[in-house]
Amino acid sequence: MKKFLIFILNLYMAFPLSSCENNAKQENIFPEEDNNNKPETVNDKILIVYFSRTGENYAVGNINVGNTAIMASYIQDYTGGASFEIIPSIPYPDDYDETCKISQQETADNARPAIKNQLKDLEQYSIIFVGCPIWYGAPPMIIRTFYETYQNELANKTIVPFGTHEGSGVNSCTSLAKEYFPNVVLLETFGVRGQDVKTSRKKIENWLHKINIPKSNSNNND
């Protein structure tokens, strides 16, 4: 009888040890998630290209971040896309009136202001936002420089014009894109007044939603 009780006691004590061993094995069945192997999202194919100007601006005074740059940042925050700022080889003056004179002369001369920086690996993107301020009712001539520089690469992309203005609207952004790329998919253009851009984030996000641009995964819980 004593031997039988010892046998039962040993058998009882063996159960929890066996259970812990099984749990240890189960913990190794599923490897840790590898974030590098997650499927690529459409947001990885989005590029926001913009030209913007700091210094003295109409209705807002001297600024360190251009109005269109602010709008571009809202688009980037929403989409998680990459961005590229068009930087002129010869900077425009901080003085507003001087910039206006130069802009008018560039238009009269049908000039193509040089771009200082180069855009690389454009082929990896499928949706290209192109933004700028409106000067005298039209995009600055440097946008023509950009379109002509990358015309072949942009010819098979989806293009989304956008911009800032002070009453003239941004339909000229659409017209310019159509002039260079009559056969591309061109999504609805959107613009806001430069003096209102800092309070326009929600309007910009509503526009992006309307044209079916997906929100970045990192912002889905916002």
C-alpha atoms as a PDB file:
ATOM      1  CA  MET A   1       0.000   0.000   0.000  1.00  0.00           C
ATOM      2  CA  LYS A   2       2.823   2.388   0.849  1.00  0.00           C
ATOM      3  CA  LYS A   3       4.517   1.716  -2.499  1.00  0.00           C
ATOM      4  CA  PHE A   4       1.216   2.344  -4.282  1.00  0.00           C
ATOM      5  CA  LEU A   5       0.774   5.742  -2.549  1.00  0.00           C
ATOM      6  CA  ILE A   6       4.327   6.752  -3.461  1.00  0.00           C
ATOM      7  CA  PHE A   7       3.608   5.810  -7.093  1.00  0.00           C
ATOM      8  CA  ILE A   8       0.433   7.954  -7.170  1.00  0.00           C
ATOM      9  CA  LEU A   9       2.234  10.917  -5.585  1.00  0.00           C
ATOM     10  CA  ASN A  10       5.059  10.778  -8.153  1.00  0.00           C
ATOM     11  CA  LEU A  11       2.537  10.540 -10.967  1.00  0.00           C
ATOM     12  CA  TYR A  12       0.656  13.626  -9.693  1.00  0.00           C
ATOM     13  CA  MET A  13       3.856  15.676  -9.412  1.00  0.00           C
ATOM     14  CA  ALA A  14       4.816  14.775 -12.977  1.00  0.00           C
ATOM     15  CA  PHE A  15       1.745  16.497 -14.542  1.00  0.00           C
ATOM     16  CA  PRO A  16       2.692  20.152 -13.941  1.00  0.00           C
ATOM     17  CA  LEU A  17       6.246  19.522 -15.137  1.00  0.00           C
ATOM     18  CA  SER A  18       4.899  18.002 -18.332  1.00  0.00           C
ATOM     19  CA  SER A  19       2.520  20.962 -18.823  1.00  0.00           C
ATOM     20  CA  CYS A  20       5.309  23.539 -18.482  1.00  0.00           C
ATOM     21  CA  GLU A  21       7.402  21.656 -20.994  1.00  0.00           C
ATOM     22  CA  ASN A  22       4.554  21.671 -23.527  1.00  0.00           C
ATOM     23  CA  ASN A  23       4.043  25.428 -23.057  1.00  0.00           C
ATOM     24  CA  ALA A  24       7.722  26.028 -23.674  1.00  0.00           C
ATOM     25  CA  LYS A  25       7.512  24.132 -26.948  1.00  0.00           C
ATOM     26  CA  GLN A  26       4.371  26.034 -28.041  1.00  0.00           C
ATOM     27  CA  GLU A  27       6.070  29.393 -27.509  1.00  0.00           C
ATOM     28  CA  ASN A  28       8.522  28.476 -30.266  1.00  0.00           C
ATOM     29  CA  ILE A  29       5.937  27.327 -32.782  1.00  0.00           C
ATOM     30  CA  PHE A  30       5.244  30.866 -34.114  1.00  0.00           C
ATOM     31  CA  PRO A  31       8.311  33.011 -34.923  1.00  0.00           C
ATOM     32  CA  GLU A  32       8.357  36.716 -34.128  1.00  0.00           C
ATOM     33  CA  GLU A  33       6.757  38.935 -36.756  1.00  0.00           C
ATOM     34  CA  ASP A  34       9.234  40.264 -39.306  1.00  0.00           C
ATOM     35  CA  ASN A  35       8.194  43.822 -40.192  1.00  0.00           C
ATOM     36  CA  ASN A  36      10.521  43.790 -43.178  1.00  0.00           C
ATOM     37  CA  ASN A  37       8.385  41.130 -44.845  1.00  0.00           C
ATOM     38  CA  LYS A  38       5.086  43.006 -44.609  1.00  0.00           C
ATOM     39  CA  PRO A  39       3.419  43.560 -47.977  1.00  0.00           C
ATOM     40  CA  GLU A  40       4.148  46.862 -49.676  1.00  0.00           C
ATOM     41  CA  THR A  41       1.340  49.417 -49.607  1.00  0.00           C
ATOM     42  CA  VAL A  42       0.332  51.840 -52.324  1.00  0.00           C
ATOM     43  CA  ASN A  43       1.611  54.686 -50.140  1.00  0.00           C
ATOM     44  CA  ASP A  44       5.157  53.552 -50.879  1.00  0.00           C
ATOM     45  CA  LYS A  45       4.479  54.530 -54.505  1.00  0.00           C
ATOM     46  CA  ILE A  46       3.515  58.147 -53.770  1.00  0.00           C
ATOM     47  CA  LEU A  47       5.823  61.111 -54.325  1.00  0.00           C
ATOM     48  CA  ILE A  48       4.981  64.722 -53.430  1.00  0.00           C
ATOM     49  CA  VAL A  49       6.904  67.189 -55.590  1.00  0.00           C
ATOM     50  CA  TYR A  50       6.566  70.870 -54.773  1.00  0.00           C
ATOM     51  CA  PHE A  51       8.037  74.301 -55.320  1.00  0.00           C
ATOM     52  CA  SER A  52       7.561  76.820 -52.531  1.00  0.00           C
ATOM     53  CA  ARG A  53       9.028  80.176 -51.558  1.00  0.00           C
ATOM     54  CA  THR A  54       9.948  81.635 -48.190  1.00  0.00           C
ATOM     55  CA  GLY A  55      10.583  85.281 -47.320  1.00  0.00           C
ATOM     56  CA  GLU A  56       7.940  87.966 -47.746  1.00  0.00           C
ATOM     57  CA  ASN A  57       4.648  86.502 -48.997  1.00  0.00           C
ATOM     58  CA  TYR A  58       1.361  88.142 -49.865  1.00  0.00           C
ATOM     59  CA  ALA A  59      -1.025  88.530 -46.895  1.00  0.00           C
ATOM     60  CA  VAL A  60       1.160  86.521 -44.488  1.00  0.00           C
ATOM     61  CA  GLY A  61       4.342  88.605 -44.146  1.00  0.00           C
ATOM     62  CA  ASN A  62       7.783  87.034 -43.781  1.00  0.00           C
ATOM     63  CA  ILE A  63       7.713  83.251 -43.442  1.00  0.00           C
ATOM     64  CA  ASN A  64      10.355  80.582 -42.925  1.00  0.00           C
ATOM     65  CA  VAL A  65       8.245  77.794 -44.456  1.00  0.00           C
ATOM     66  CA  GLY A  66       6.475  78.461 -47.735  1.00  0.00           C
ATOM     67  CA  ASN A  67       2.698  78.127 -48.051  1.00  0.00           C
ATOM     68  CA  THR A  68       2.910  75.347 -50.632  1.00  0.00           C
ATOM     69  CA  ALA A  69       5.512  73.552 -48.498  1.00  0.00           C
ATOM     70  CA  ILE A  70       3.004  73.499 -45.646  1.00  0.00           C
ATOM     71  CA  MET A  71       0.329  72.073 -47.930  1.00  0.00           C
ATOM     72  CA  ALA A  72       2.797  69.453 -49.188  1.00  0.00           C
ATOM     73  CA  SER A  73       3.593  68.480 -45.598  1.00  0.00           C
ATOM     74  CA  TYR A  74      -0.097  67.808 -44.919  1.00  0.00           C
ATOM     75  CA  ILE A  75      -0.266  65.563 -47.983  1.00  0.00           C
ATOM     76  CA  GLN A  76       2.859  63.730 -46.876  1.00  0.00           C
ATOM     77  CA  ASP A  77       1.520  63.285 -43.330  1.00  0.00           C
ATOM     78  CA  TYR A  78      -1.689  61.775 -44.702  1.00  0.00           C
ATOM     79  CA  THR A  79      -0.168  59.537 -47.359  1.00  0.00           C
ATOM     80  CA  GLY A  80       3.172  58.590 -45.844  1.00  0.00           C
ATOM     81  CA  GLY A  81       4.675  59.240 -49.284  1.00  0.00           C
ATOM     82  CA  ALA A  82       8.107  60.590 -50.126  1.00  0.00           C
ATOM     83  CA  SER A  83       8.695  64.257 -50.936  1.00  0.00           C
ATOM     84  CA  PHE A  84      10.934  66.285 -53.226  1.00  0.00           C
ATOM     85  CA  GLU A  85      11.298  70.060 -53.068  1.00  0.00           C
ATOM     86  CA  ILE A  86      12.123  71.834 -56.321  1.00  0.00           C
ATOM     87  CA  ILE A  87      14.937  74.220 -55.439  1.00  0.00           C
ATOM     88  CA  PRO A  88      15.869  76.897 -58.005  1.00  0.00           C
ATOM     89  CA  SER A  89      19.543  77.257 -58.852  1.00  0.00           C
ATOM     90  CA  ILE A  90      19.162  81.004 -58.382  1.00  0.00           C
ATOM     91  CA  PRO A  91      17.006  81.653 -55.300  1.00  0.00           C
ATOM     92  CA  TYR A  92      14.188  84.136 -55.570  1.00  0.00           C
ATOM     93  CA  PRO A  93      14.590  87.265 -53.434  1.00  0.00           C
ATOM     94  CA  ASP A  94      12.991  87.487 -50.025  1.00  0.00           C
ATOM     95  CA  ASP A  95      11.420  90.758 -51.117  1.00  0.00           C
ATOM     96  CA  TYR A  96       7.929  90.132 -52.482  1.00  0.00           C
ATOM     97  CA  ASP A  97       7.904  92.932 -55.067  1.00  0.00           C
ATOM     98  CA  GLU A  98      11.287  91.900 -56.451  1.00  0.00           C
ATOM     99  CA  THR A  99      10.091  88.314 -56.830  1.00  0.00           C
ATOM    100  CA  CYS A 100       6.997  89.553 -58.665  1.00  0.00           C
ATOM    101  CA  LYS A 101       9.172  91.478 -61.148  1.00  0.00           C
ATOM    102  CA  ILE A 102      11.359  88.426 -61.778  1.00  0.00           C
ATOM    103  CA  SER A 103       8.312  86.198 -62.206  1.00  0.00           C
ATOM    104  CA  GLN A 104       6.791  88.553 -64.772  1.00  0.00           C
ATOM    105  CA  GLN A 105      10.057  88.730 -66.685  1.00  0.00           C
ATOM    106  CA  GLU A 106      10.445  84.934 -66.703  1.00  0.00           C
ATOM    107  CA  THR A 107       6.943  84.597 -68.141  1.00  0.00           C
ATOM    108  CA  ALA A 108       7.567  87.264 -70.788  1.00  0.00           C
ATOM    109  CA  ASP A 109      10.821  85.544 -71.795  1.00  0.00           C
ATOM    110  CA  ASN A 110       9.260  82.049 -71.702  1.00  0.00           C
ATOM    111  CA  ALA A 111      12.187  81.227 -69.428  1.00  0.00           C
ATOM    112  CA  ARG A 112      13.055  77.868 -67.879  1.00  0.00           C
ATOM    113  CA  PRO A 113      14.645  78.621 -64.493  1.00  0.00           C
ATOM    114  CA  ALA A 114      17.228  75.966 -63.642  1.00  0.00           C
ATOM    115  CA  ILE A 115      16.589  73.458 -60.856  1.00  0.00           C
ATOM    116  CA  LYS A 116      19.446  72.998 -58.406  1.00  0.00           C
ATOM    117  CA  ASN A 117      18.672  69.493 -57.167  1.00  0.00           C
ATOM    118  CA  GLN A 118      18.068  66.287 -59.096  1.00  0.00           C
ATOM    119  CA  LEU A 119      15.203  63.844 -58.643  1.00  0.00           C
ATOM    120  CA  LYS A 120      16.397  60.233 -58.702  1.00  0.00           C
ATOM    121  CA  ASP A 121      14.607  56.875 -58.899  1.00  0.00           C
ATOM    122  CA  LEU A 122      11.405  58.393 -60.241  1.00  0.00           C
ATOM    123  CA  GLU A 123      10.450  55.047 -61.782  1.00  0.00           C
ATOM    124  CA  GLN A 124       9.604  53.572 -58.364  1.00  0.00           C
ATOM    125  CA  TYR A 125       6.627  55.909 -57.914  1.00  0.00           C
ATOM    126  CA  SER A 126       3.230  55.574 -59.583  1.00  0.00           C
ATOM    127  CA  ILE A 127       1.392  58.610 -58.147  1.00  0.00           C
ATOM    128  CA  ILE A 128       3.078  62.003 -58.398  1.00  0.00           C
ATOM    129  CA  PHE A 129       1.662  65.057 -56.633  1.00  0.00           C
ATOM    130  CA  VAL A 130       2.971  68.289 -58.166  1.00  0.00           C
ATOM    131  CA  GLY A 131       2.417  71.472 -56.168  1.00  0.00           C
ATOM    132  CA  CYS A 132       3.289  75.147 -56.457  1.00  0.00           C
ATOM    133  CA  PRO A 133       2.056  78.658 -55.708  1.00  0.00           C
ATOM    134  CA  ILE A 134       0.153  80.524 -58.415  1.00  0.00           C
ATOM    135  CA  TRP A 135       1.967  83.596 -59.705  1.00  0.00           C
ATOM    136  CA  TYR A 136      -0.023  85.973 -61.895  1.00  0.00           C
ATOM    137  CA  GLY A 137      -2.662  83.355 -62.619  1.00  0.00           C
ATOM    138  CA  ALA A 138      -0.297  80.520 -63.564  1.00  0.00           C
ATOM    139  CA  PRO A 139       2.294  78.148 -62.104  1.00  0.00           C
ATOM    140  CA  PRO A 140       5.828  79.585 -61.929  1.00  0.00           C
ATOM    141  CA  MET A 141       7.943  78.862 -64.985  1.00  0.00           C
ATOM    142  CA  ILE A 142      10.143  76.527 -62.941  1.00  0.00           C
ATOM    143  CA  ILE A 143       7.290  74.005 -62.997  1.00  0.00           C
ATOM    144  CA  ARG A 144       7.686  73.889 -66.781  1.00  0.00           C
ATOM    145  CA  THR A 145      11.376  73.199 -66.192  1.00  0.00           C
ATOM    146  CA  PHE A 146      10.429  70.281 -63.964  1.00  0.00           C
ATOM    147  CA  TYR A 147       7.906  68.817 -66.421  1.00  0.00           C
ATOM    148  CA  GLU A 148      10.317  69.103 -69.341  1.00  0.00           C
ATOM    149  CA  THR A 149      13.222  67.636 -67.380  1.00  0.00           C
ATOM    150  CA  TYR A 150      11.253  64.539 -66.383  1.00  0.00           C
ATOM    151  CA  GLN A 151       8.711  64.381 -69.193  1.00  0.00           C
ATOM    152  CA  ASN A 152       9.553  60.843 -70.282  1.00  0.00           C
ATOM    153  CA  GLU A 153       9.533  59.457 -66.739  1.00  0.00           C
ATOM    154  CA  LEU A 154       6.240  61.181 -65.873  1.00  0.00           C
ATOM    155  CA  ALA A 155       4.415  60.104 -69.015  1.00  0.00           C
ATOM    156  CA  ASN A 156       3.160  56.838 -67.466  1.00  0.00           C
ATOM    157  CA  LYS A 157       2.353  58.157 -63.990  1.00  0.00           C
ATOM    158  CA  THR A 158      -0.809  59.324 -62.264  1.00  0.00           C
ATOM    159  CA  ILE A 159      -0.384  63.062 -61.697  1.00  0.00           C
ATOM    160  CA  VAL A 160      -2.137  65.065 -58.977  1.00  0.00           C
ATOM    161  CA  PRO A 161      -1.680  68.843 -59.226  1.00  0.00           C
ATOM    162  CA  PHE A 162      -2.158  71.053 -56.172  1.00  0.00           C
ATOM    163  CA  GLY A 163      -1.257  74.536 -55.096  1.00  0.00           C
ATOM    164  CA  THR A 164      -1.739  77.715 -53.107  1.00  0.00           C
ATOM    165  CA  HIS A 165      -3.159  80.981 -54.405  1.00  0.00           C
ATOM    166  CA  GLU A 166      -4.739  84.226 -53.281  1.00  0.00           C
ATOM    167  CA  GLY A 167      -7.934  84.218 -55.308  1.00  0.00           C
ATOM    168  CA  SER A 168      -7.014  83.026 -58.784  1.00  0.00           C
ATOM    169  CA  GLY A 169      -7.611  79.341 -58.049  1.00  0.00           C
ATOM    170  CA  VAL A 170      -5.449  76.469 -59.263  1.00  0.00           C
ATOM    171  CA  ASN A 171      -7.128  75.412 -62.523  1.00  0.00           C
ATOM    172  CA  SER A 172      -3.996  76.587 -64.315  1.00  0.00           C
ATOM    173  CA  CYS A 173      -2.115  73.741 -62.574  1.00  0.00           C
ATOM    174  CA  THR A 174      -4.470  71.293 -64.269  1.00  0.00           C
ATOM    175  CA  SER A 175      -4.122  73.015 -67.648  1.00  0.00           C
ATOM    176  CA  LEU A 176      -0.330  72.930 -67.468  1.00  0.00           C
ATOM    177  CA  ALA A 177      -0.253  69.242 -66.565  1.00  0.00           C
ATOM    178  CA  LYS A 178      -2.619  68.456 -69.465  1.00  0.00           C
ATOM    179  CA  GLU A 179      -0.418  70.464 -71.817  1.00  0.00           C
ATOM    180  CA  TYR A 180       2.579  68.273 -71.068  1.00  0.00           C
ATOM    181  CA  PHE A 181       0.812  64.987 -70.355  1.00  0.00           C
ATOM    182  CA  PRO A 182      -2.424  64.756 -72.357  1.00  0.00           C
ATOM    183  CA  ASN A 183      -2.676  60.985 -71.953  1.00  0.00           C
ATOM    184  CA  VAL A 184      -1.861  60.431 -68.273  1.00  0.00           C
ATOM    185  CA  VAL A 185      -4.346  59.779 -65.487  1.00  0.00           C
ATOM    186  CA  LEU A 186      -4.882  63.214 -63.965  1.00  0.00           C
ATOM    187  CA  LEU A 187      -6.677  63.361 -60.627  1.00  0.00           C
ATOM    188  CA  GLU A 188      -8.697  66.307 -59.354  1.00  0.00           C
ATOM    189  CA  THR A 189      -6.620  69.397 -58.592  1.00  0.00           C
ATOM    190  CA  PHE A 190      -6.982  71.106 -55.241  1.00  0.00           C
ATOM    191  CA  GLY A 191      -5.901  74.479 -53.943  1.00  0.00           C
ATOM    192  CA  VAL A 192      -6.158  76.667 -50.861  1.00  0.00           C
ATOM    193  CA  ARG A 193      -5.436  80.301 -50.201  1.00  0.00           C
ATOM    194  CA  GLY A 194      -1.906  80.783 -48.959  1.00  0.00           C
ATOM    195  CA  GLN A 195      -3.096  82.865 -46.030  1.00  0.00           C
ATOM    196  CA  ASP A 196      -5.440  80.020 -44.993  1.00  0.00           C
ATOM    197  CA  VAL A 197      -3.128  77.048 -45.467  1.00  0.00           C
ATOM    198  CA  LYS A 198      -2.288  76.615 -41.787  1.00  0.00           C
ATOM    199  CA  THR A 199      -5.957  75.952 -40.987  1.00  0.00           C
ATOM    200  CA  SER A 200      -6.680  73.831 -44.065  1.00  0.00           C
ATOM    201  CA  ARG A 201      -5.357  70.417 -43.040  1.00  0.00           C
ATOM    202  CA  LYS A 202      -8.840  68.882 -42.738  1.00  0.00           C
ATOM    203  CA  LYS A 203      -9.946  70.243 -46.129  1.00  0.00           C
ATOM    204  CA  ILE A 204      -6.836  68.779 -47.719  1.00  0.00           C
ATOM    205  CA  GLU A 205      -7.425  65.399 -46.075  1.00  0.00           C
ATOM    206  CA  ASN A 206     -11.049  65.417 -47.266  1.00  0.00           C
ATOM    207  CA  TRP A 207      -9.843  66.062 -50.818  1.00  0.00           C
ATOM    208  CA  LEU A 208      -7.353  63.182 -50.601  1.00  0.00           C
ATOM    209  CA  HIS A 209     -10.106  60.891 -49.359  1.00  0.00           C
ATOM    210  CA  LYS A 210     -12.406  62.054 -52.177  1.00  0.00           C
ATOM    211  CA  ILE A 211      -9.876  61.143 -54.879  1.00  0.00           C
ATOM    212  CA  ASN A 212      -9.272  57.735 -53.253  1.00  0.00           C
ATOM    213  CA  ILE A 213      -5.759  58.320 -51.984  1.00  0.00           C
ATOM    214  CA  PRO A 214      -5.352  55.873 -49.082  1.00  0.00           C
ATOM    215  CA  LYS A 215      -4.374  57.097 -45.672  1.00  0.00           C
ATOM    216  CA  SER A 216      -1.016  55.905 -44.410  1.00  0.00           C
ATOM    217  CA  ASN A 217      -1.130  52.846 -42.130  1.00  0.00           C
ATOM    218  CA  SER A 218       0.646  54.857 -39.448  1.00  0.00           C
ATOM    219  CA  ASN A 219      -2.302  57.266 -39.397  1.00  0.00           C
ATOM    220  CA  ASN A 220      -5.173  54.785 -39.485  1.00  0.00           C
ATOM    221  CA  ASN A 221      -5.885  55.182 -35.788  1.00  0.00           C
ATOM    222  CA  ASP A 222      -5.855  58.976 -35.828  1.00  0.00           C
END
